[in-house]
C-alpha cells in the first residue's frame, strides 16, 4: 500500500472515473493540533455509500502547507506525507514516505512505529486519514508564580550566589515528529485535538525546566537582567532539558522563548548591589573618590546648619577622618603606587629554560639563580617586594625610597 503523486502515477484523464473518494482538510487554525480528514464525494463517485473509515483504492488525499497527513489502518500508521500536493491511494504498492521539511529522521520513527505491508495487501476494516498541524504554535503565555533559582556569578568581585527571580513572557512550539505526536498524544481521535488539551501540561513542564535551563545560562556569565537579550540561548537550553519529554516522547520542540520582564527578589537585589559596591572600593583610587564624595556631602550638610550646629558638624567630620587612620590623600597615593608597581617578572633558568622563577633556585630543575640579578630589601623596615629585582619607588610600609642601599649581597 502506498501513495502516488497525482498526475505522476496516474494515466491522464482516466483518473476522473477512478477517483472514488477525496480526502482533505480545511485550513487548520492555531488552536487545532490534529484533526481527522474529511471525505468529500461527488455525483461522479461510485462509492457514495461507502464506509467513513474505509479508503477505497484509487482515492485522492490532498495535503496543504503546514500540514502532515497520515493514513492509519487498524491503529497503525501505514502512510505519511508532509509535502503539499495531491496523492493517490494505491493498495498494491509499498508505503512511500514524503517527509517534506520535517527531516529524514521521520523515516526512523516510521520504521519503529509504522506498519509495513507486503505487495497486494487487502484493505483493512478500519482506515482513517489524519492531519497534523506542523506550523509554529505561538502565543503561549507563561509566568513564574514562585521565584525560580538563578545563580549569579561576578568574577570581578568574587561573587557567586543563588537568588530568586520571576520572569514572564511567551513561548512557541512546533510539532517536529507528527508520528510521535499521534502515537503518544492524540491517537484515535474522532474529530479534532486542540491545544487546550495539552497546553497546561506543556506549561507546567516548561516552568519546571526553567531552573536547569537558567543554570546553563548563568554558567555563560549572563546576568539575570540581560536575559531578554539572550532568548535564543534560553530556547536551546530548554530544548536540551525537555528533549526527553517533548522531542523524544511527543515530537514537540520549543521554537522561541520570549522574556517580557525579569525581576529579582528585592532583598537579593539589594545584597548584590551592596557587594558590587564594596567590591569596587577595594581599589584605593575608587575608595578615595568615594571618600571625597562623602566628605563633600558632609561639608554641604554642615554649611547648611546655623550657629553652633555648623561648628559641631565640621568638628564631627574632622574627627571621623582621623579615626579611620586613612584619608583621601593616602588612598590616592596608594592607588598611584599600585599602578606604578611593575608586574612580577622573575628570572629565567639558563639550564632548563623555565621562566618566572622568583626564588633562589629554579622551580623546575633546582638550578641556582644566576649571579648578577639584583635583590632589593627595604633597609629601614625590612619589607621585601614580590619581585625583588624590580621594587617600587617607595616602600609601601614606611615610605622610604628604594636605592642602592637597599641592594642585598
Protein backbone atom coordinates (compact mmCIF):
# COMPACT_ATOMS: atom_id res chain seq x y z
CA UNK A 1 0.00 0.00 0.00
CA UNK A 2 1.33 3.43 -0.78
CA UNK A 3 0.86 6.95 -2.06
CA UNK A 4 1.48 8.06 -5.60
CA UNK A 5 1.77 11.66 -6.70
CA UNK A 6 -1.36 12.61 -8.62
CA UNK A 7 -0.50 13.29 -12.25
CA UNK A 8 2.70 11.19 -11.99
CA UNK A 9 1.44 7.72 -11.10
CA UNK A 10 -1.88 8.12 -12.97
CA UNK A 11 -2.87 7.86 -16.59
CA UNK A 12 -4.25 11.19 -17.82
CA UNK A 13 -7.96 11.83 -17.53
CA UNK A 14 -8.72 8.21 -16.78
CA UNK A 15 -8.36 9.06 -13.09
CA UNK A 16 -11.50 11.17 -13.30
CA UNK A 17 -13.53 7.98 -13.40
CA UNK A 18 -11.35 6.07 -10.93
CA UNK A 19 -11.05 8.52 -8.04
CA UNK A 20 -13.69 7.19 -5.73
CA UNK A 21 -13.10 9.42 -2.73
CA UNK A 22 -11.42 12.72 -1.98
CA UNK A 23 -9.92 13.32 1.48
CA UNK A 24 -8.95 16.83 2.50
CA UNK A 25 -8.55 19.13 5.49
CA UNK A 26 -9.81 22.67 5.77
CA UNK A 27 -7.42 25.41 6.93
CA UNK A 28 -6.24 24.43 10.41
CA UNK A 29 -6.35 27.22 13.00
CA UNK A 30 -3.62 27.72 15.58
CA UNK A 31 -5.87 26.08 18.20
CA UNK A 32 -6.10 22.76 16.32
CA UNK A 33 -3.10 20.46 16.55
CA UNK A 34 -4.59 17.40 14.85
CA UNK A 35 -7.83 16.57 13.10
CA UNK A 36 -9.44 13.74 11.20
CA UNK A 37 -9.60 14.13 7.44
CA UNK A 38 -13.00 14.71 5.86
CA UNK A 39 -14.25 12.67 2.93
CA UNK A 40 -15.82 14.55 0.06
CA UNK A 41 -17.79 12.63 -2.57
CA UNK A 42 -19.49 13.82 -5.74
CA UNK A 43 -22.08 12.55 -8.16
CA UNK A 44 -19.32 11.05 -10.30
CA UNK A 45 -18.13 8.84 -7.43
CA UNK A 46 -19.11 5.19 -7.47
CA UNK A 47 -18.70 4.93 -3.69
CA UNK A 48 -21.27 7.44 -2.40
CA UNK A 49 -22.44 4.97 0.23
CA UNK A 50 -19.02 3.77 1.37
CA UNK A 51 -17.97 3.50 4.99
CA UNK A 52 -16.46 6.62 6.56
CA UNK A 53 -13.46 4.65 7.87
CA UNK A 54 -12.61 2.84 4.65
CA UNK A 55 -10.31 4.28 1.99
CA UNK A 56 -11.17 2.96 -1.46
CA UNK A 57 -8.32 2.05 -3.76
CA UNK A 58 -7.62 4.99 -6.08
CA UNK A 59 -8.85 7.66 -3.65
CA UNK A 60 -7.23 11.10 -3.60
CA UNK A 61 -5.71 12.70 -0.49
CA UNK A 62 -4.88 16.42 -0.55
CA UNK A 63 -2.14 17.89 1.66
CA UNK A 64 -1.74 21.64 2.25
CA UNK A 65 1.16 23.74 3.52
CA UNK A 66 1.73 23.44 7.26
CA UNK A 67 0.11 20.01 7.42
CA UNK A 68 1.30 16.45 7.71
CA UNK A 69 -1.10 13.75 6.51
CA UNK A 70 -1.10 10.25 7.96
CA UNK A 71 -3.10 7.19 6.93
CA UNK A 72 -3.84 4.92 9.86
CA UNK A 73 -5.03 1.36 9.40
CA UNK A 74 -6.12 -0.74 12.35
CA UNK A 75 -4.47 1.75 14.69
CA UNK A 76 -1.10 1.69 12.91
CA UNK A 77 0.39 4.42 10.71
CA UNK A 78 0.89 2.99 7.22
CA UNK A 79 1.49 6.17 5.19
CA UNK A 80 2.71 9.70 5.77
CA UNK A 81 3.25 12.83 3.72
CA UNK A 82 4.34 16.32 4.76
CA UNK A 83 4.77 17.64 1.21
CA UNK A 84 1.93 19.77 -0.17
CA UNK A 85 0.08 18.23 -3.10
CA UNK A 86 -2.44 15.56 -4.09
CA UNK A 87 -1.76 11.85 -3.66
CA UNK A 88 -3.43 8.69 -4.95
CA UNK A 89 -4.03 5.84 -2.51
CA UNK A 90 -2.78 2.65 -4.15
CA UNK A 91 -3.24 -0.52 -2.11
CA UNK A 92 -0.94 -2.53 -4.36
CA UNK A 93 2.31 -0.71 -3.60
CA UNK A 94 4.71 -0.38 -0.70
CA UNK A 95 4.48 2.71 1.52
CA UNK A 96 6.27 5.83 0.27
CA UNK A 97 7.15 8.41 2.91
CA UNK A 98 7.06 12.04 1.77
CA UNK A 99 8.61 13.69 4.81
CA UNK A 100 8.87 17.19 3.31
CA UNK A 101 10.59 19.72 5.58
CA UNK A 102 10.36 17.56 8.70
CA UNK A 103 13.71 15.85 8.07
CA UNK A 104 14.82 12.31 7.32
CA UNK A 105 14.64 11.46 11.00
CA UNK A 106 10.95 10.85 10.39
CA UNK A 107 11.92 7.71 8.46
CA UNK A 108 13.41 6.15 11.60
CA UNK A 109 10.23 6.87 13.52
CA UNK A 110 8.19 5.23 10.77
CA UNK A 111 10.31 2.11 10.92
CA UNK A 112 9.76 1.86 14.67
CA UNK A 113 6.08 2.76 14.83
CA UNK A 114 4.67 2.34 11.32
CA UNK A 115 3.40 -0.90 9.88
CA UNK A 116 4.83 -2.32 6.64
CA UNK A 117 2.61 -4.24 4.24
CA UNK A 118 3.54 -6.70 1.53
CA UNK A 119 2.59 -6.30 -2.10
CA UNK A 120 -1.06 -7.00 -2.82
CA UNK A 121 -2.27 -6.45 0.76
CA UNK A 122 -6.01 -6.38 1.22
CA UNK A 123 -7.87 -3.38 2.53
CA UNK A 124 -8.33 -3.42 6.31
CA UNK A 125 -11.57 -2.86 8.14
CA UNK A 126 -10.64 0.47 9.67
CA UNK A 127 -8.74 3.10 7.69
CA UNK A 128 -8.55 6.76 8.63
CA UNK A 129 -6.83 9.90 7.38
CA UNK A 130 -5.43 12.33 9.98
CA UNK A 131 -3.86 15.73 9.51
CA UNK A 132 -1.26 17.11 11.99
CA UNK A 133 -0.61 20.84 12.29
CA UNK A 134 3.12 21.43 11.62
CA UNK A 135 3.01 25.22 11.83
CA UNK A 136 4.60 27.11 14.71
CA UNK A 137 2.14 27.34 17.60
CA UNK A 138 2.64 30.84 19.01
CA UNK A 139 1.15 32.92 21.81
CA UNK A 140 1.70 30.55 24.75
CA UNK A 141 1.95 32.73 27.83
CA UNK A 142 3.92 31.71 30.91
CA UNK A 143 4.76 33.22 34.27
CA UNK A 144 6.62 32.03 37.35
CA UNK A 145 4.26 32.27 40.31
CA UNK A 146 7.13 31.44 42.68
CA UNK A 147 10.75 32.61 42.40
CA UNK A 148 13.00 30.42 40.27
CA UNK A 149 16.60 29.93 41.48
CA UNK A 150 19.22 31.71 39.38
CA UNK A 151 22.95 31.62 40.01
CA UNK A 152 24.69 34.98 39.89
CA UNK A 153 28.42 34.90 39.13
CA UNK A 154 30.61 38.01 39.07
CA UNK A 155 34.29 37.16 38.83
CA UNK A 156 35.28 40.82 39.17
CA UNK A 157 34.27 40.87 42.82
CA UNK A 158 34.32 37.13 43.55
CA UNK A 159 30.51 36.92 43.77
CA UNK A 160 28.84 33.52 43.47
CA UNK A 161 25.36 33.23 45.00
CA UNK A 162 21.87 31.92 44.22
CA UNK A 163 18.97 34.35 44.05
CA UNK A 164 15.27 34.02 43.24
CA UNK A 165 13.91 35.62 40.07
CA UNK A 166 10.47 35.87 38.48
CA UNK A 167 10.03 36.10 34.73
CA UNK A 168 7.07 36.48 32.38
CA UNK A 169 6.65 36.19 28.63
CA UNK A 170 5.53 33.93 25.78
CA UNK A 171 6.93 30.89 24.02
CA UNK A 172 6.15 28.96 20.87
CA UNK A 173 6.48 25.29 19.98
CA UNK A 174 6.16 23.12 16.90
CA UNK A 175 5.34 19.51 16.17
CA UNK A 176 8.51 18.20 14.53
CA UNK A 177 7.60 14.50 14.53
CA UNK A 178 3.89 14.00 13.72
CA UNK A 179 4.09 10.22 14.15
CA UNK A 180 5.30 10.52 17.75
CA UNK A 181 2.66 13.14 18.45
CA UNK A 182 -0.13 10.97 17.05
CA UNK A 183 1.09 7.76 18.68
CA UNK A 184 1.80 9.14 22.16
CA UNK A 185 -0.55 12.12 22.45
CA UNK A 186 -3.63 12.29 20.25
CA UNK A 187 -4.07 8.84 18.72
CA UNK A 188 -7.53 7.61 17.67
CA UNK A 189 -9.32 10.96 17.86
CA UNK A 190 -12.78 11.14 16.30
CA UNK A 191 -12.80 14.84 15.41
CA UNK A 192 -10.08 17.32 16.43
CA UNK A 193 -7.37 17.58 19.07
CA UNK A 194 -6.97 21.16 20.27
CA UNK A 195 -4.08 22.84 22.05
CA UNK A 196 -6.04 23.47 25.25
CA UNK A 197 -5.89 19.72 25.89
CA UNK A 198 -2.09 19.75 26.25
CA UNK A 199 -1.01 23.37 26.83
CA UNK A 200 -1.45 23.16 30.60
CA UNK A 201 0.85 20.12 30.77
CA UNK A 202 3.43 21.72 28.48
CA UNK A 203 3.45 24.93 30.51
CA UNK A 204 3.97 23.05 33.78
CA UNK A 205 6.88 21.08 32.33
CA UNK A 206 8.36 24.24 30.81
CA UNK A 207 8.35 26.08 34.13
CA UNK A 208 9.93 23.03 35.79
CA UNK A 209 12.67 23.05 33.15
CA UNK A 210 13.42 26.74 33.70
CA UNK A 211 15.60 26.04 36.73
CA UNK A 212 18.18 23.78 34.98
CA UNK A 213 17.95 26.00 31.88
CA UNK A 214 18.79 29.07 33.96
CA UNK A 215 21.69 27.13 35.48
CA UNK A 216 23.12 26.60 31.98
CA UNK A 217 22.62 30.27 31.12
CA UNK A 218 24.29 31.50 34.31
CA UNK A 219 27.42 29.45 33.56
CA UNK A 220 27.81 31.56 30.42
CA UNK A 221 28.22 34.64 32.63
CA UNK A 222 24.87 36.15 31.57
CA UNK A 223 23.28 38.36 34.21
CA UNK A 224 19.62 37.83 35.05
CA UNK A 225 18.83 41.40 33.96
CA UNK A 226 20.23 40.60 30.49
CA UNK A 227 18.02 37.55 29.90
CA UNK A 228 15.67 39.37 27.44
CA UNK A 229 18.67 39.73 25.11
CA UNK A 230 19.57 36.03 25.18
CA UNK A 231 16.29 34.32 24.28
CA UNK A 232 17.96 32.09 21.68
CA UNK A 233 20.31 30.66 24.30
CA UNK A 234 17.34 30.13 26.61
CA UNK A 235 15.39 28.25 23.91
CA UNK A 236 18.39 25.99 23.24
CA UNK A 237 18.84 25.33 26.96
CA UNK A 238 15.15 24.50 27.37
CA UNK A 239 15.24 22.10 24.44
CA UNK A 240 18.19 20.29 26.00
CA UNK A 241 16.31 19.88 29.26
CA UNK A 242 12.98 18.99 27.63
CA UNK A 243 14.34 16.74 24.87
CA UNK A 244 13.34 13.57 26.71
CA UNK A 245 9.74 14.55 27.42
CA UNK A 246 8.98 16.75 24.44
CA UNK A 247 11.10 15.83 21.44
CA UNK A 248 11.68 12.11 22.03
CA UNK A 249 8.27 11.32 23.53
CA UNK A 250 5.82 13.74 21.92
CA UNK A 251 7.70 15.01 18.87
CA UNK A 252 7.42 18.63 20.09
CA UNK A 253 10.17 21.25 20.24
CA UNK A 254 10.45 24.77 21.67
CA UNK A 255 10.97 27.19 18.77
CA UNK A 256 11.23 30.52 20.55
CA UNK A 257 11.18 31.72 24.14
CA UNK A 258 10.41 35.36 24.79
CA UNK A 259 11.08 37.16 28.07
CA UNK A 260 8.94 40.23 28.74
CA UNK A 261 10.33 41.07 32.18
CA UNK A 262 12.72 39.64 34.77
CA UNK A 263 12.73 40.74 38.40
CA UNK A 264 14.78 39.55 41.35
CA UNK A 265 13.72 39.42 44.96
CA UNK A 266 14.21 42.92 46.46
CA UNK A 267 16.42 41.62 49.26
CA UNK A 268 18.61 39.64 46.82
CA UNK A 269 18.95 42.62 44.51
CA UNK A 270 19.93 44.87 47.41
CA UNK A 271 22.54 42.33 48.54
CA UNK A 272 24.08 42.12 45.06
CA UNK A 273 24.30 45.90 44.74
CA UNK A 274 25.91 46.21 48.15
CA UNK A 275 28.50 43.52 47.34
CA UNK A 276 29.27 45.11 43.98
CA UNK A 277 29.71 48.50 45.65
CA UNK A 278 32.01 47.00 48.28
CA UNK A 279 33.99 45.23 45.56
CA UNK A 280 34.71 48.48 43.73
CA UNK A 281 36.01 50.06 46.96
CA UNK A 282 38.84 47.52 47.08
CA UNK A 283 40.52 49.76 44.53
CA UNK A 284 42.28 52.51 46.55
CA UNK A 285 41.56 55.14 43.91
CA UNK A 286 37.84 54.26 43.81
CA UNK A 287 37.74 54.26 47.62
CA UNK A 288 39.39 57.70 47.66
CA UNK A 289 36.88 59.07 45.17
CA UNK A 290 34.04 57.67 47.27
CA UNK A 291 35.50 59.24 50.40
CA UNK A 292 35.89 62.63 48.71
CA UNK A 293 32.26 62.48 47.60
CA UNK A 294 31.13 61.63 51.13
CA UNK A 295 33.21 64.47 52.55
CA UNK A 296 31.75 66.90 50.04
CA UNK A 297 28.22 65.89 51.01
CA UNK A 298 29.11 66.28 54.67
CA UNK A 299 30.51 69.77 54.05
CA UNK A 300 27.34 70.79 52.23
CA UNK A 301 25.23 69.48 55.09
CA UNK A 302 27.43 71.30 57.63
CA UNK A 303 27.28 74.56 55.71
CA UNK A 304 23.51 74.44 55.66
CA UNK A 305 23.38 74.34 59.51
CA UNK A 306 23.07 77.54 61.50
CA UNK A 307 25.08 78.73 64.51
CA UNK A 308 26.77 76.10 66.65
CA UNK A 309 25.30 73.29 64.53
CA UNK A 310 27.71 74.12 61.72
CA UNK A 311 30.72 74.10 64.06
CA UNK A 312 29.71 70.72 65.53
CA UNK A 313 29.18 69.23 62.05
CA UNK A 314 32.66 70.29 60.87
CA UNK A 315 34.22 69.04 64.08
CA UNK A 316 32.50 65.66 63.72
CA UNK A 317 33.68 65.36 60.10
CA UNK A 318 37.32 66.06 61.07
CA UNK A 319 37.13 63.56 63.90
CA UNK A 320 35.72 60.88 61.57
CA UNK A 321 38.64 61.40 59.19
CA UNK A 322 41.15 60.79 61.97
CA UNK A 323 39.50 57.70 63.42
CA UNK A 324 39.77 55.59 60.28
CA UNK A 325 43.52 56.03 60.02
CA UNK A 326 43.29 56.86 56.32
CA UNK A 327 42.24 59.83 54.29
CA UNK A 328 41.61 60.52 50.62
CA UNK A 329 45.19 61.70 50.01
CA UNK A 330 46.67 58.46 51.37
CA UNK A 331 44.25 56.37 49.33
CA UNK A 332 45.09 58.24 46.12
CA UNK A 333 48.82 57.74 46.86
CA UNK A 334 48.30 54.00 47.41
CA UNK A 335 46.44 53.73 44.13
CA UNK A 336 49.21 55.59 42.32
CA UNK A 337 51.90 53.34 43.78
CA UNK A 338 49.93 50.24 42.85
CA UNK A 339 49.69 51.48 39.29
CA UNK A 340 53.40 52.18 39.08
CA UNK A 341 54.49 48.83 40.53
CA UNK A 342 55.54 46.55 37.66
CA UNK A 343 54.28 43.02 37.38
CA UNK A 344 56.47 40.30 38.80
CA UNK A 345 58.89 39.31 36.07
CA UNK A 346 61.04 36.74 37.87
CA UNK A 347 64.17 35.24 36.32
CA UNK A 348 64.69 32.64 33.61
CA UNK A 349 66.62 29.47 34.22
CA UNK A 350 69.62 29.15 31.91
CA UNK A 351 69.69 25.36 32.36
CA UNK A 352 66.10 24.23 31.58
CA UNK A 353 64.58 27.48 30.26
CA UNK A 354 61.83 27.71 32.93
CA UNK A 355 60.50 31.27 33.16
CA UNK A 356 59.09 33.33 36.01
CA UNK A 357 61.21 31.91 38.85
CA UNK A 358 61.08 34.08 41.98
CA UNK A 359 63.18 32.09 44.47
CA UNK A 360 66.90 31.41 44.74
CA UNK A 361 66.54 28.10 42.86
CA UNK A 362 64.71 27.05 39.69
CA UNK A 363 61.29 25.55 40.44
CA UNK A 364 61.67 23.03 37.58
CA UNK A 365 65.25 21.71 37.75
CA UNK A 366 66.61 23.17 41.01
CA UNK A 367 69.44 25.10 39.36
CA UNK A 368 70.65 28.10 41.43
CA UNK A 369 69.71 31.59 40.47
CA UNK A 370 72.36 33.13 38.19
CA UNK A 371 74.58 35.85 39.62
CA UNK A 372 74.09 39.44 38.64
CA UNK A 373 70.35 39.65 39.35
CA UNK A 374 69.79 42.41 41.95
CA UNK A 375 67.90 41.68 45.16
CA UNK A 376 66.15 44.56 46.89
CA UNK A 377 65.01 44.76 50.52
CA UNK A 378 63.97 47.87 52.45
CA UNK A 379 66.88 48.77 54.72
CA UNK A 380 64.57 50.69 57.05
CA UNK A 381 61.69 48.30 57.86
CA UNK A 382 62.80 45.07 56.17
CA UNK A 383 59.91 44.89 53.66
CA UNK A 384 60.66 42.69 50.60
CA UNK A 385 58.90 43.15 47.25
CA UNK A 386 57.41 40.12 45.45
CA UNK A 387 59.72 40.85 42.52
CA UNK A 388 62.96 41.55 44.33
CA UNK A 389 64.64 42.61 41.11
CA UNK A 390 62.05 45.32 40.34
CA UNK A 391 60.97 47.10 43.55
CA UNK A 392 58.62 50.12 43.63
CA UNK A 393 60.00 53.61 44.00
CA UNK A 394 58.91 53.82 47.65
CA UNK A 395 58.39 51.24 50.33
CA UNK A 396 54.60 50.81 50.85
CA UNK A 397 55.19 50.09 54.56
CA UNK A 398 57.36 53.00 55.68
CA UNK A 399 57.63 55.24 52.61
CA UNK A 400 61.43 55.03 52.39
CA UNK A 401 62.69 55.33 48.79
CA UNK A 402 64.47 52.36 47.25
CA UNK A 403 68.08 52.98 46.23
CA UNK A 404 71.38 51.18 46.02
CA UNK A 405 71.49 50.96 49.80
CA UNK A 406 68.60 48.50 49.66
CA UNK A 407 70.53 46.01 47.47
CA UNK A 408 71.22 42.68 49.14
CA UNK A 409 74.52 40.91 48.83
